Amino acid sequence: MPVKPFLLRSFVMRLLVTMFLGAAALSSQEKTNQQTAVHPPPIASAAQEFPVNMRQNVIAGKTPVGAKVEARLTMATLMSGKVVPEGAVFSGVVVESAARSASNPSRLGIRMDSVQWKKDSVAVKAYLTSWYYPFLLTANNDSSNEQLGGIHGDVGIARGSGSRGGPGAPPYPNTPQQGVDVPSQPTSNVSDHRVEMKDVESQRASDGSLSIRSSRVNIKLDKSTTYVLATGELAASK
């Protein structure tokens, strides 16, 4: 039976339209793939971190929520293209504070809202994390060293004394003064690498805020340990 001319034309038109749409879809997919290869999706930036010494002792459950706190930056840090110098002061507030009980962990949350130095001030949103820089006790003329923690019984009680400028800075000079014989003495330094507090973990809330908690001990922060503030969760130190 012969095919009617209008049916043949209709079939050919449908075939051409199908081929055209298929070619357009393939071209669009190839263009998308090329754009993805040239411009990959942005990767979330790493959290900014700040090594600090607290300017007051903070005890979970005793220091109330709403208490104002300050911390001193122990090492110059680049933030948003601006160098925040060593000694800059962070100001913030305790946002969570609960002592450990038989059924509930100890909880502590500190949020820093600004950092100030000289006549400059910058807004920031940084939180206390479970990381800190431990002491390294090194005796003179002795290559061995012992890592001392910011943990002594309760979390955050440091073994060691003396103020520090930053990781690796000695708390007191060990150079003899003119006309004075200074006996050899061990020098307490701070590690160059942060570590996590034992039995303490950071927890992140849905709003992005951080707090720390422990089911083993009550959390205490002292003024000599170098703690770590951060704008988000921190990966393990390399």
Protein backbone atom coordinates (compact mmCIF):
# COMPACT_ATOMS: atom_id res chain seq x y z
CA MET A 1 0.00 0.00 0.00
CA PRO A 2 1.63 3.30 -1.05
CA VAL A 3 2.50 5.83 1.70
CA LYS A 4 0.57 9.05 1.43
CA PRO A 5 2.79 12.09 0.82
CA PHE A 6 1.50 14.11 3.83
CA LEU A 7 2.17 11.16 6.19
CA LEU A 8 5.73 10.87 4.89
CA ARG A 9 6.32 14.60 5.33
CA SER A 10 4.97 14.44 8.90
CA PHE A 11 7.25 11.54 9.76
CA VAL A 12 10.29 13.30 8.33
CA MET A 13 9.48 16.51 10.27
CA ARG A 14 9.12 14.61 13.56
CA LEU A 15 12.43 12.85 12.90
CA LEU A 16 14.22 16.13 12.19
CA VAL A 17 12.79 17.79 15.31
CA THR A 18 13.86 14.83 17.47
CA MET A 19 17.39 14.93 16.06
CA PHE A 20 17.61 18.71 16.58
CA LEU A 21 16.46 18.53 20.21
CA GLY A 22 18.87 15.68 20.92
CA ALA A 23 21.81 17.61 19.46
CA ALA A 24 20.86 20.73 21.49
CA ALA A 25 20.68 18.75 24.72
CA LEU A 26 24.07 17.13 24.06
CA SER A 27 25.64 20.52 23.29
CA SER A 28 24.19 21.99 26.49
CA GLN A 29 25.55 19.09 28.58
CA GLU A 30 29.02 19.43 27.03
CA LYS A 31 29.01 23.19 27.75
CA THR A 32 28.01 22.54 31.37
CA ASN A 33 30.78 19.96 31.75
CA GLN A 34 33.33 22.40 30.31
CA GLN A 35 32.21 25.18 32.68
CA THR A 36 32.42 22.82 35.62
CA ALA A 37 35.94 21.77 34.64
CA VAL A 38 37.09 25.38 34.22
CA HIS A 39 35.17 26.79 37.19
CA PRO A 40 34.81 24.07 39.84
CA PRO A 41 32.36 24.71 42.68
CA PRO A 42 33.87 26.77 45.51
CA ILE A 43 35.28 24.89 48.48
CA ALA A 44 34.24 26.04 51.94
CA SER A 45 37.06 28.01 53.54
CA ALA A 46 38.79 26.62 56.60
CA ALA A 47 37.89 27.98 60.00
CA GLN A 48 40.00 30.85 61.31
CA GLU A 49 41.75 30.02 64.59
CA PHE A 50 43.32 32.16 67.31
CA PRO A 51 45.66 30.97 70.13
CA VAL A 52 44.80 32.89 73.30
CA ASN A 53 45.34 33.11 77.05
CA MET A 54 42.21 33.80 79.07
CA ARG A 55 42.38 36.92 81.23
CA GLN A 56 40.28 35.30 83.95
CA ASN A 57 39.59 31.79 85.22
CA VAL A 58 36.35 30.28 83.91
CA ILE A 59 34.64 27.33 85.60
CA ALA A 60 31.70 25.48 84.06
CA GLY A 61 28.71 25.75 86.36
CA LYS A 62 30.26 28.51 88.48
CA THR A 63 30.93 31.21 85.91
CA PRO A 64 27.39 32.27 84.95
CA VAL A 65 25.93 32.55 81.46
CA GLY A 66 26.20 36.17 80.39
CA ALA A 67 29.50 36.79 82.20
CA LYS A 68 31.87 39.01 80.21
CA VAL A 69 35.23 37.42 79.35
CA GLU A 70 38.44 38.50 77.67
CA ALA A 71 41.38 36.66 76.13
CA ARG A 72 44.79 37.82 74.91
CA LEU A 73 46.10 36.74 71.50
CA THR A 74 49.46 35.00 71.94
CA MET A 75 50.61 35.11 68.30
CA ALA A 76 50.04 37.60 65.49
CA THR A 77 47.32 36.27 63.18
CA LEU A 78 46.10 37.31 59.73
CA MET A 79 42.34 37.94 59.63
CA SER A 80 40.46 39.24 56.58
CA GLY A 81 43.65 40.64 55.10
CA LYS A 82 44.57 42.47 58.30
CA VAL A 83 47.26 41.45 60.78
CA VAL A 84 45.91 41.18 64.30
CA PRO A 85 49.01 41.67 66.46
CA GLU A 86 50.13 39.60 69.42
CA GLY A 87 48.57 41.01 72.57
CA ALA A 88 45.28 41.99 70.93
CA VAL A 89 42.35 41.48 73.29
CA PHE A 90 39.27 39.44 72.43
CA SER A 91 36.06 40.38 74.25
CA GLY A 92 33.04 38.15 74.54
CA VAL A 93 30.54 36.39 76.75
CA VAL A 94 29.85 33.01 78.34
CA VAL A 95 26.90 31.52 76.42
CA GLU A 96 26.73 28.11 78.14
CA SER A 97 27.89 26.98 81.58
CA ALA A 98 26.89 23.82 83.41
CA ALA A 99 28.72 21.68 85.94
CA ARG A 100 29.03 17.94 85.46
CA SER A 101 26.48 15.80 87.27
CA ALA A 102 25.77 12.10 87.52
CA SER A 103 23.48 12.30 84.50
CA ASN A 104 24.72 15.33 82.55
CA PRO A 105 28.11 16.36 81.12
CA SER A 106 29.99 19.50 82.02
CA ARG A 107 29.29 22.15 79.35
CA LEU A 108 30.98 25.43 78.55
CA GLY A 109 30.44 27.82 75.66
CA ILE A 110 32.31 31.08 75.08
CA ARG A 111 31.67 33.39 72.14
CA MET A 112 34.05 36.23 71.33
CA ASP A 113 32.44 39.17 69.52
CA SER A 114 35.32 41.58 68.96
CA VAL A 115 39.10 41.91 69.02
CA GLN A 116 40.85 45.19 69.83
CA TRP A 117 44.41 46.49 69.73
CA LYS A 118 45.74 50.04 70.06
CA LYS A 119 43.07 52.16 68.35
CA ASP A 120 41.78 49.45 66.04
CA SER A 121 38.85 47.09 66.63
CA VAL A 122 37.34 44.34 64.47
CA ALA A 123 34.10 42.44 64.88
CA VAL A 124 34.54 38.67 65.01
CA LYS A 125 32.53 35.62 65.90
CA ALA A 126 34.91 33.07 67.41
CA TYR A 127 34.19 30.29 69.88
CA LEU A 128 36.14 28.35 72.48
CA THR A 129 37.15 24.93 71.10
CA SER A 130 38.45 21.73 72.65
CA TRP A 131 41.97 22.47 71.34
CA TYR A 132 44.93 23.93 73.24
CA TYR A 133 48.73 24.20 73.04
CA PRO A 134 50.44 22.01 75.67
CA PHE A 135 53.56 22.89 77.62
CA LEU A 136 56.89 21.37 76.62
CA LEU A 137 59.24 21.19 79.59
CA THR A 138 62.86 21.14 78.40
CA ALA A 139 65.85 21.01 80.76
CA ASN A 140 69.01 22.88 79.74
CA ASN A 141 71.56 20.74 77.91
CA ASP A 142 69.03 17.94 77.73
CA SER A 143 67.54 17.01 74.37
CA SER A 144 64.65 15.16 75.95
CA ASN A 145 61.39 16.96 76.59
CA GLU A 146 58.13 16.12 78.26
CA GLN A 147 54.74 17.23 77.05
CA LEU A 148 52.70 18.73 79.85
CA GLY A 149 49.05 19.36 79.39
CA GLY A 150 46.45 21.97 80.09
CA ILE A 151 44.77 19.18 82.02
CA HIS A 152 45.44 18.41 85.65
CA GLY A 153 42.59 16.66 87.39
CA ASP A 154 39.88 18.96 86.09
CA VAL A 155 40.19 20.10 82.50
CA GLY A 156 42.18 23.25 81.93
CA ILE A 157 44.38 23.31 85.05
CA ALA A 158 47.87 23.74 83.65
CA ARG A 159 51.02 22.27 85.13
CA GLY A 160 53.65 24.93 84.78
CA SER A 161 53.79 28.66 85.36
CA GLY A 162 54.85 31.91 83.82
CA SER A 163 53.37 34.12 81.14
CA ARG A 164 54.01 33.37 77.50
CA GLY A 165 54.08 35.44 74.36
CA GLY A 166 53.04 32.60 72.09
CA PRO A 167 53.73 29.03 71.05
CA GLY A 168 57.42 28.40 71.59
CA ALA A 169 58.09 31.58 73.60
CA PRO A 170 59.82 30.97 76.97
CA PRO A 171 58.11 32.33 80.12
CA TYR A 172 61.29 33.86 81.43
CA PRO A 173 64.75 34.60 80.00
CA ASN A 174 67.49 32.09 80.63
CA THR A 175 70.37 34.42 79.72
CA PRO A 176 72.71 35.53 82.57
CA GLN A 177 72.51 39.23 83.37
CA GLN A 178 75.66 41.27 83.54
CA GLY A 179 77.49 40.56 86.78
CA VAL A 180 74.93 37.99 87.89
CA ASP A 181 75.32 34.23 87.80
CA VAL A 182 71.98 32.62 86.96
CA PRO A 183 71.79 28.92 87.84
CA SER A 184 70.67 26.48 85.20
CA GLN A 185 66.94 25.86 85.32
CA PRO A 186 64.36 24.09 83.20
CA THR A 187 62.54 26.24 80.72
CA SER A 188 58.83 25.76 80.02
CA ASN A 189 57.83 26.31 76.39
CA VAL A 190 54.59 25.91 74.52
CA SER A 191 54.26 23.35 71.75
CA ASP A 192 54.03 24.51 68.14
CA HIS A 193 51.16 22.07 67.57
CA ARG A 194 47.73 22.17 69.14
CA VAL A 195 46.14 19.06 70.59
CA GLU A 196 42.68 18.23 71.88
CA MET A 197 41.95 18.28 75.59
CA LYS A 198 41.59 14.81 77.03
CA ASP A 199 37.98 13.69 77.58
CA VAL A 200 36.66 16.92 76.02
CA GLU A 201 34.86 17.36 72.72
CA SER A 202 33.54 20.27 70.70
CA GLN A 203 29.90 20.29 69.65
CA ARG A 204 28.39 22.46 66.94
CA ALA A 205 24.80 23.72 67.17
CA SER A 206 22.46 24.24 64.22
CA ASP A 207 23.19 27.98 64.27
CA GLY A 208 26.91 27.31 63.79
CA SER A 209 27.95 28.10 67.36
CA LEU A 210 30.43 25.87 69.20
CA SER A 211 30.64 24.68 72.80
CA ILE A 212 32.75 22.11 74.61
CA ARG A 213 31.63 19.37 76.97
CA SER A 214 32.98 16.50 79.03
CA SER A 215 31.31 13.55 80.74
CA ARG A 216 34.44 12.71 82.70
CA VAL A 217 35.53 15.94 84.39
CA ASN A 218 34.28 19.44 85.12
CA ILE A 219 35.68 21.96 82.66
CA LYS A 220 37.90 24.76 84.02
CA LEU A 221 39.91 27.31 82.07
CA ASP A 222 42.95 28.96 83.64
CA LYS A 223 44.96 32.02 82.70
CA SER A 224 48.22 30.28 81.79
CA THR A 225 47.12 27.67 79.24
CA THR A 226 46.99 28.65 75.57
CA TYR A 227 43.50 27.76 74.37
CA VAL A 228 42.21 27.96 70.80
CA LEU A 229 39.34 30.13 69.64
CA ALA A 230 37.92 29.42 66.18
CA THR A 231 35.24 30.64 63.82
CA GLY A 232 34.17 27.06 63.11
CA GLU A 233 35.07 23.43 63.63
CA LEU A 234 38.79 22.65 63.38
CA ALA A 235 40.37 19.67 61.69
CA ALA A 236 43.07 17.62 63.37
CA SER A 237 46.39 19.42 63.59
CA LYS A 238 49.01 18.19 61.11
